[in-house]
Protein backbone atom coordinates (compact mmCIF):
# COMPACT_ATOMS: atom_id res chain seq x y z
CA UNK A 1 0.00 0.00 0.00
CA UNK A 2 1.33 3.47 -0.92
CA UNK A 3 -0.26 4.98 2.22
CA UNK A 4 0.37 3.92 5.78
CA UNK A 5 -2.61 2.83 7.84
CA UNK A 6 -2.35 6.08 9.80
CA UNK A 7 -2.41 8.15 6.60
CA UNK A 8 -5.38 6.19 5.28
CA UNK A 9 -7.20 6.79 8.57
CA UNK A 10 -6.61 10.54 8.19
CA UNK A 11 -7.97 10.43 4.62
CA UNK A 12 -11.04 8.51 5.81
CA UNK A 13 -11.62 11.09 8.56
CA UNK A 14 -11.30 13.83 5.92
CA UNK A 15 -13.96 12.08 3.80
CA UNK A 16 -16.35 11.88 6.73
CA UNK A 17 -15.80 15.53 7.61
CA UNK A 18 -16.69 16.51 4.04
CA UNK A 19 -19.72 14.23 4.22
CA UNK A 20 -21.04 16.00 7.33
CA UNK A 21 -20.99 19.42 5.69
CA UNK A 22 -22.12 19.17 2.04
CA UNK A 23 -22.48 22.30 -0.06
CA UNK A 24 -24.31 22.51 -3.37
CA UNK A 25 -23.02 23.84 -6.68
CA UNK A 26 -21.60 27.34 -6.47
CA UNK A 27 -21.70 27.44 -2.66
CA UNK A 28 -18.63 25.31 -1.84
CA UNK A 29 -16.87 27.91 0.34
CA UNK A 30 -16.28 25.75 3.42
CA UNK A 31 -15.57 22.64 1.37
CA UNK A 32 -12.83 24.53 -0.50
CA UNK A 33 -11.44 25.78 2.81
CA UNK A 34 -11.27 22.24 4.21
CA UNK A 35 -9.57 21.04 1.01
CA UNK A 36 -6.95 23.79 1.20
CA UNK A 37 -6.22 23.06 4.86
CA UNK A 38 -5.73 19.36 4.09
CA UNK A 39 -3.55 20.15 1.07
CA UNK A 40 -1.12 22.17 3.19
CA UNK A 41 -0.17 18.95 4.96
CA UNK A 42 0.46 17.34 1.54
CA UNK A 43 3.04 20.01 0.66
CA UNK A 44 2.20 21.06 -2.90
CA UNK A 45 4.51 23.51 -4.66
CA UNK A 46 1.58 25.85 -5.26
CA UNK A 47 -2.10 26.10 -4.39
CA UNK A 48 -4.48 28.02 -6.65
CA UNK A 49 -7.74 29.04 -5.00
CA UNK A 50 -11.01 30.53 -6.27
CA UNK A 51 -10.52 28.82 -9.63
CA UNK A 52 -13.70 29.07 -11.68
CA UNK A 53 -15.54 30.00 -8.50
CA UNK A 54 -14.53 28.02 -5.42
CA UNK A 55 -12.19 25.62 -7.24
CA UNK A 56 -8.84 24.62 -5.75
CA UNK A 57 -5.81 23.31 -7.64
CA UNK A 58 -2.64 21.86 -6.11
CA UNK A 59 0.51 21.87 -8.25
CA UNK A 60 3.33 19.34 -7.85
CA UNK A 61 6.43 20.04 -9.94
CA UNK A 62 8.84 17.39 -11.18
CA UNK A 63 12.61 17.87 -11.21
CA UNK A 64 12.82 18.54 -14.93
CA UNK A 65 10.39 19.87 -17.59
CA UNK A 66 7.84 17.47 -19.02
CA UNK A 67 4.11 16.98 -19.63
CA UNK A 68 1.39 18.24 -17.30
CA UNK A 69 -1.10 15.66 -16.03
CA UNK A 70 -4.35 16.90 -14.47
CA UNK A 71 -6.40 14.77 -12.07
CA UNK A 72 -9.87 16.16 -11.44
CA UNK A 73 -12.47 15.62 -8.71
CA UNK A 74 -15.59 17.53 -7.66
CA UNK A 75 -16.42 19.70 -4.63
CA UNK A 76 -20.22 19.85 -4.65
CA UNK A 77 -22.99 17.88 -3.01
CA UNK A 78 -26.69 17.66 -3.86
CA UNK A 79 -29.91 19.36 -2.68
CA UNK A 80 -31.27 16.03 -1.41
CA UNK A 81 -32.08 15.06 2.20
CA UNK A 82 -29.84 12.19 3.32
CA UNK A 83 -31.32 9.10 4.97
CA UNK A 84 -28.63 7.55 7.15
CA UNK A 85 -27.89 6.28 10.64
CA UNK A 86 -24.15 6.85 10.27
CA UNK A 87 -22.41 9.02 12.83
CA UNK A 88 -20.98 11.13 9.99
CA UNK A 89 -24.30 11.71 8.18
CA UNK A 90 -25.06 15.16 6.77
CA UNK A 91 -25.69 17.91 9.29
CA UNK A 92 -27.11 20.28 6.66
CA UNK A 93 -30.89 19.89 6.20
CA UNK A 94 -31.88 19.12 2.63
CA UNK A 95 -28.30 18.60 1.41
CA UNK A 96 -26.10 15.52 1.10
CA UNK A 97 -23.03 14.04 -0.55
CA UNK A 98 -25.17 11.50 -2.37
CA UNK A 99 -23.10 11.19 -5.55
CA UNK A 100 -19.77 10.32 -3.93
CA UNK A 101 -17.93 13.55 -4.57
CA UNK A 102 -16.68 13.41 -0.98
CA UNK A 103 -15.09 10.07 -1.84
CA UNK A 104 -13.64 11.38 -5.09
CA UNK A 105 -12.05 14.29 -3.20
CA UNK A 106 -10.61 11.82 -0.70
CA UNK A 107 -9.08 9.75 -3.48
CA UNK A 108 -7.40 12.83 -4.92
CA UNK A 109 -6.28 13.91 -1.45
CA UNK A 110 -4.65 10.48 -1.08
CA UNK A 111 -2.81 11.17 -4.35
CA UNK A 112 -1.71 14.52 -2.92
CA UNK A 113 -0.41 12.81 0.23
CA UNK A 114 1.71 10.45 -1.86
CA UNK A 115 3.01 13.21 -4.15
CA UNK A 116 3.95 15.27 -1.12
CA UNK A 117 6.37 12.50 -0.19
CA UNK A 118 7.66 11.77 -3.69
CA UNK A 119 7.40 14.21 -6.60
CA UNK A 120 7.26 13.01 -10.23
CA UNK A 121 10.62 12.83 -11.97
CA UNK A 122 9.52 15.29 -14.67
CA UNK A 123 6.65 17.52 -15.69
CA UNK A 124 3.82 18.59 -13.39
CA UNK A 125 0.78 17.13 -11.69
CA UNK A 126 -2.28 19.34 -11.20
CA UNK A 127 -4.84 18.09 -8.67
CA UNK A 128 -8.06 19.95 -9.42
CA UNK A 129 -10.93 20.10 -6.94
CA UNK A 130 -13.58 21.47 -9.30
CA UNK A 131 -16.70 23.37 -8.24
CA UNK A 132 -20.24 23.10 -9.54
CA UNK A 133 -20.21 19.80 -11.40
CA UNK A 134 -23.81 18.93 -10.55
CA UNK A 135 -25.27 21.89 -12.43
CA UNK A 136 -22.83 21.71 -15.35
CA UNK A 137 -21.31 25.15 -14.69
CA UNK A 138 -18.04 24.24 -13.01
CA UNK A 139 -15.84 22.86 -15.77
CA UNK A 140 -16.74 25.73 -18.10
CA UNK A 141 -15.97 28.27 -15.37
CA UNK A 142 -12.60 26.66 -14.62
CA UNK A 143 -11.60 26.58 -18.28
CA UNK A 144 -12.65 30.23 -18.71
CA UNK A 145 -10.67 31.40 -15.67
CA UNK A 146 -7.49 33.25 -16.81
CA UNK A 147 -5.54 31.38 -14.12
CA UNK A 148 -6.23 28.11 -15.90
CA UNK A 149 -3.87 29.16 -18.69
CA UNK A 150 -1.00 28.59 -16.24
CA UNK A 151 -2.30 25.09 -15.46
CA UNK A 152 -3.25 23.89 -18.92
CA UNK A 153 -2.74 20.10 -19.00
CA UNK A 154 -1.38 17.78 -21.66
CA UNK A 155 -3.73 15.07 -20.35
CA UNK A 156 -6.74 15.12 -18.01
CA UNK A 157 -7.94 12.11 -16.02
CA UNK A 158 -10.88 11.55 -13.71
CA UNK A 159 -13.10 8.86 -12.19
CA UNK A 160 -16.62 8.33 -10.96
CA UNK A 161 -17.89 5.61 -8.68
CA UNK A 162 -20.59 3.45 -10.22
CA UNK A 163 -23.22 1.42 -8.34
CA UNK A 164 -24.24 -1.76 -10.14
CA UNK A 165 -20.62 -2.80 -10.71
CA UNK A 166 -18.72 -5.17 -8.38
CA UNK A 167 -16.83 -3.27 -5.69
CA UNK A 168 -13.43 -2.14 -6.94
CA UNK A 169 -13.93 -3.34 -10.53
CA UNK A 170 -13.63 -0.82 -13.36
CA UNK A 171 -15.47 0.06 -16.55
CA UNK A 172 -13.30 1.87 -19.09
CA UNK A 173 -13.92 2.45 -22.77
CA UNK A 174 -13.01 4.78 -25.59
CA UNK A 175 -15.58 7.12 -27.09
CA UNK A 176 -18.80 8.44 -25.53
CA UNK A 177 -19.36 7.56 -21.88
CA UNK A 178 -21.89 10.17 -20.69
CA UNK A 179 -24.80 11.85 -22.43
CA UNK A 180 -25.18 15.49 -23.29
CA UNK A 181 -28.09 17.14 -21.50
CA UNK A 182 -29.65 20.52 -20.79
CA UNK A 183 -32.56 21.93 -18.87
CA UNK A 184 -35.07 23.74 -21.08
CA UNK A 185 -37.39 26.29 -19.47
CA UNK A 186 -40.37 27.50 -21.50
CA UNK A 187 -42.48 30.44 -20.28
CA UNK A 188 -45.80 31.10 -22.03
CA UNK A 189 -47.31 34.56 -21.53
CA UNK A 190 -50.93 35.45 -22.22
CA UNK A 191 -53.50 37.56 -20.38
CA UNK A 192 -55.45 36.85 -17.21
CA UNK A 193 -59.18 37.37 -16.91
CA UNK A 194 -61.95 36.62 -14.46
CA UNK A 195 -62.62 32.89 -14.27
CA UNK A 196 -66.23 33.55 -15.20
CA UNK A 197 -65.12 35.16 -18.47
CA UNK A 198 -62.11 33.22 -19.79
CA UNK A 199 -62.89 34.51 -23.28
CA UNK A 200 -61.69 37.95 -22.18
CA UNK A 201 -58.17 36.66 -21.56
CA UNK A 202 -55.51 34.64 -23.36
CA UNK A 203 -54.93 31.45 -21.38
CA UNK A 204 -51.97 29.12 -22.01
CA UNK A 205 -53.92 26.10 -20.76
CA UNK A 206 -54.23 24.14 -23.99
CA UNK A 207 -50.74 25.04 -25.20
CA UNK A 208 -49.28 23.76 -21.94
CA UNK A 209 -51.30 20.56 -22.12
CA UNK A 210 -50.16 19.98 -25.69
CA UNK A 211 -46.51 20.58 -24.84
CA UNK A 212 -46.57 18.11 -21.95
CA UNK A 213 -47.11 15.31 -24.40
CA UNK A 214 -45.48 16.85 -27.46
CA UNK A 215 -42.10 17.45 -25.85
CA UNK A 216 -42.01 13.94 -24.41
CA UNK A 217 -42.84 12.50 -27.82
CA UNK A 218 -39.68 14.07 -29.30
CA UNK A 219 -37.69 11.40 -27.47
CA UNK A 220 -37.29 7.85 -28.67
CA UNK A 221 -37.10 4.36 -27.25
CA UNK A 222 -33.87 3.67 -29.10
CA UNK A 223 -30.90 2.32 -27.10
CA UNK A 224 -28.18 4.73 -26.03
CA UNK A 225 -26.56 5.15 -29.43
CA UNK A 226 -26.04 7.99 -31.93
CA UNK A 227 -29.81 8.45 -32.43
CA UNK A 228 -30.73 8.32 -28.74
CA UNK A 229 -32.91 11.19 -27.48
CA UNK A 230 -34.92 11.59 -24.31
CA UNK A 231 -37.12 14.46 -23.12
CA UNK A 232 -38.23 14.34 -19.50
CA UNK A 233 -40.75 16.90 -18.28
CA UNK A 234 -39.66 17.77 -14.74
CA UNK A 235 -41.95 20.66 -13.76
CA UNK A 236 -45.04 22.49 -14.97
CA UNK A 237 -47.06 25.37 -13.60
CA UNK A 238 -50.23 27.04 -14.81
CA UNK A 239 -51.45 30.37 -13.47
CA UNK A 240 -51.92 31.06 -9.78
CA UNK A 241 -53.51 28.82 -7.13
CA UNK A 242 -56.82 30.67 -7.18
CA UNK A 243 -60.35 29.81 -8.35
CA UNK A 244 -61.29 33.27 -9.56
CA UNK A 245 -58.58 33.82 -12.18
CA UNK A 246 -58.29 32.40 -15.67
CA UNK A 247 -54.50 31.93 -16.06
CA UNK A 248 -52.28 34.19 -18.14
CA UNK A 249 -48.92 32.49 -17.63
CA UNK A 250 -47.51 28.98 -17.71
CA UNK A 251 -44.12 27.36 -17.28
CA UNK A 252 -42.83 23.99 -18.37
CA UNK A 253 -39.39 22.64 -17.55
CA UNK A 254 -37.91 19.69 -19.41
CA UNK A 255 -34.55 17.95 -19.52
CA UNK A 256 -33.28 17.17 -23.02
CA UNK A 257 -30.81 14.28 -23.26
CA UNK A 258 -28.82 12.78 -26.16
CA UNK A 259 -25.64 10.77 -26.54
CA UNK A 260 -23.91 13.22 -28.86
CA UNK A 261 -23.64 16.99 -29.08
CA UNK A 262 -24.74 16.83 -32.73
CA UNK A 263 -27.95 14.99 -31.83
CA UNK A 264 -28.56 17.52 -29.06
CA UNK A 265 -28.47 20.38 -31.56
CA UNK A 266 -31.22 18.68 -33.56
CA UNK A 267 -33.32 17.95 -30.47
CA UNK A 268 -33.06 21.56 -29.29
CA UNK A 269 -34.20 22.80 -32.69
CA UNK A 270 -37.17 20.42 -32.72
CA UNK A 271 -38.21 21.35 -29.17
CA UNK A 272 -38.01 25.06 -29.86
CA UNK A 273 -39.99 24.75 -33.10
CA UNK A 274 -42.72 22.80 -31.28
CA UNK A 275 -42.92 25.28 -28.41
CA UNK A 276 -43.03 28.33 -30.70
CA UNK A 277 -45.66 26.71 -32.91
CA UNK A 278 -47.95 26.05 -29.92
CA UNK A 279 -47.40 29.57 -28.62
CA UNK A 280 -48.15 31.17 -31.98
CA UNK A 281 -51.30 29.10 -32.45
CA UNK A 282 -52.61 30.23 -29.05
CA UNK A 283 -51.57 33.88 -29.42
CA UNK A 284 -49.07 33.63 -26.58
CA UNK A 285 -45.72 35.21 -25.96
CA UNK A 286 -42.88 32.78 -25.37
CA UNK A 287 -39.47 32.85 -23.71
CA UNK A 288 -37.05 29.90 -23.84
CA UNK A 289 -33.96 29.65 -21.66
CA UNK A 290 -31.49 26.89 -20.80
CA UNK A 291 -29.78 25.85 -17.59
CA UNK A 292 -27.63 22.91 -16.42
CA UNK A 293 -26.01 22.52 -19.84
CA UNK A 294 -23.72 19.49 -20.17
CA UNK A 295 -21.72 18.53 -23.24
CA UNK A 296 -21.20 14.91 -24.24
CA UNK A 297 -18.41 13.24 -22.26
CA UNK A 298 -16.02 11.45 -24.64
CA UNK A 299 -12.98 9.40 -23.64
CA UNK A 300 -9.91 10.07 -25.81
CA UNK A 301 -8.13 6.89 -27.00
CA UNK A 302 -4.66 7.99 -25.84
CA UNK A 303 -5.95 8.82 -22.34
CA UNK A 304 -7.80 5.50 -22.17
CA UNK A 305 -4.54 3.72 -23.05
CA UNK A 306 -2.84 5.43 -20.09
CA UNK A 307 -5.59 4.36 -17.71
CA UNK A 308 -5.76 0.83 -19.10
CA UNK A 309 -2.03 0.35 -18.54
CA UNK A 310 -2.32 1.75 -15.00
CA UNK A 311 -5.19 -0.62 -14.19
CA UNK A 312 -3.18 -3.58 -15.48
CA UNK A 313 -0.11 -2.53 -13.51
CA UNK A 314 -2.19 -2.19 -10.36
CA UNK A 315 -3.96 -5.51 -10.94
CA UNK A 316 -7.40 -3.88 -10.99
CA UNK A 317 -10.03 -5.90 -12.85
CA UNK A 318 -11.52 -3.92 -15.74
CA UNK A 319 -13.61 -4.29 -18.86
CA UNK A 320 -14.90 -2.07 -21.63
CA UNK A 321 -18.34 -3.55 -22.34
CA UNK A 322 -21.48 -3.64 -20.29
CA UNK A 323 -25.00 -2.32 -20.01
CA UNK A 324 -23.89 0.59 -17.76
CA UNK A 325 -21.95 2.49 -20.44
CA UNK A 326 -22.57 4.86 -22.05
CA UNK A 327 -24.42 6.36 -19.07
CA UNK A 328 -27.62 8.31 -19.63
CA UNK A 329 -26.48 10.62 -16.85
CA UNK A 330 -24.32 13.65 -17.67
CA UNK A 331 -20.88 14.74 -16.50
CA UNK A 332 -19.17 18.07 -17.18
CA UNK A 333 -15.67 16.54 -17.26
CA UNK A 334 -16.24 16.16 -21.01
CA UNK A 335 -15.28 19.82 -21.49
CA UNK A 336 -11.66 19.11 -20.55
CA UNK A 337 -11.31 17.23 -23.82
CA UNK A 338 -11.44 20.64 -25.54
CA UNK A 339 -8.00 21.45 -24.08
CA UNK A 340 -6.30 18.02 -23.81
CA UNK A 341 -6.86 14.29 -24.33
CA UNK A 342 -9.04 13.18 -21.43
CA UNK A 343 -10.66 10.08 -20.01
CA UNK A 344 -12.80 9.05 -17.05
CA UNK A 345 -12.94 5.55 -15.60
CA UNK A 346 -15.86 4.17 -13.61
CA UNK A 347 -15.04 2.45 -10.33
CA UNK A 348 -17.58 -0.09 -9.12
CA UNK A 349 -19.17 0.70 -5.77
CA UNK A 350 -21.04 -2.59 -5.43
CA UNK A 351 -23.62 -4.51 -7.45
CA UNK A 352 -26.38 -3.88 -4.88
CA UNK A 353 -25.14 -0.51 -3.63
CA UNK A 354 -27.76 2.31 -3.52
CA UNK A 355 -27.78 4.30 -6.73
CA UNK A 356 -26.25 7.73 -7.21
CA UNK A 357 -28.49 10.61 -6.05
CA UNK A 358 -30.52 8.26 -3.84
CA UNK A 359 -31.11 9.52 -0.27
CA UNK A 360 -29.48 6.40 1.22
CA UNK A 361 -26.34 6.45 -0.97
CA UNK A 362 -22.94 6.54 0.77
CA UNK A 363 -19.50 6.34 -0.82
CA UNK A 364 -17.66 3.02 -0.10
CA UNK A 365 -14.40 3.99 1.62
CA UNK A 366 -12.70 0.80 0.42
CA UNK A 367 -12.43 2.51 -2.98
CA UNK A 368 -10.08 5.24 -1.73
CA UNK A 369 -6.80 3.29 -2.04
CA UNK A 370 -7.96 1.63 -5.28
CA UNK A 371 -8.75 4.89 -7.08
CA UNK A 372 -5.68 6.67 -5.75
CA UNK A 373 -3.45 3.76 -6.73
CA UNK A 374 -4.66 3.89 -10.33
CA UNK A 375 -4.07 7.64 -10.57
CA UNK A 376 -0.60 7.39 -9.02
CA UNK A 377 0.37 4.57 -11.37
CA UNK A 378 -0.82 6.60 -14.37
CA UNK A 379 1.21 9.59 -13.16
CA UNK A 380 4.27 7.42 -12.66
CA UNK A 381 3.93 5.82 -16.08
CA UNK A 382 3.77 9.23 -17.79
CA UNK A 383 6.12 11.31 -15.63
CA UNK A 384 8.36 8.71 -13.99
């Protein structure tokens, strides 16, 4: 083991501390502070704070020039109430680390601990604790930050734990691994009137009803391949909760999901055309906005080769096929491929483990040395 039992105990305690105090996307002030305090003990050559928001990056320099390898994890939790009897359960009402980002941070902190004792022979390692992954804003904000130009990697690597896979086993494949998605918000504006005289107003009732089914019908039942598309209506509202008013406003929120960015462009166009057609037919104003925008996550072949060799060297069981990949869920790590070859591997958290974003999910701490070992082996194989 690359960490002593005492060091591993400290990393586990760090994970549980993070778990007690989750913060959602864009609010990770205390999480970033805890990360920076822990990094000081791991002796990086430089710490960059407030990167793309509350992001933190630790820089470890090799003895001679060489490539830069970036390892990325996530800071944010979820706005979900945790159900747990553990002593370290969330203390923040309505918020929890129910996707395992506390575990991912702990894996990367274990890498930092090892690098603090032995630097790479050449090049640089950047350990990035990225903000705001859950809403899709964090990676874009980090890449847009002028400070990132000083950190620009030659390769970017990451992981995500994956329930449904045997504990400690890995799924790794080239090509698409996570879907593109975006939240579409449609606001229909008409004119209120007295409920006894709806003809005096312009109500969005029938347009909303039509869109509930019409948007959903734009999706398909095809498997997750190039033609895959899914539209999930997540929220709708009509008028005010009153009996005396014929409504003059409606909202509908939907999540659009495709495997590829190209297919997403076509789905967006179709959804907008449908919404505008319904609005025009009913004499309504319309406003369309987007939130939680995720690009397709695509594993670069050269980065997959690096991870595959590291897995083999570490003796970690892995495969490339399976029903779990590509995932329908989204992941903003895909943006790092715009600046360097990148790849994410999926580390099994147990075949019967609670699913991600479930209120009873908890990250398996046995994965900390496994994930850190793979990253350290990849770093060693590239930088010596």
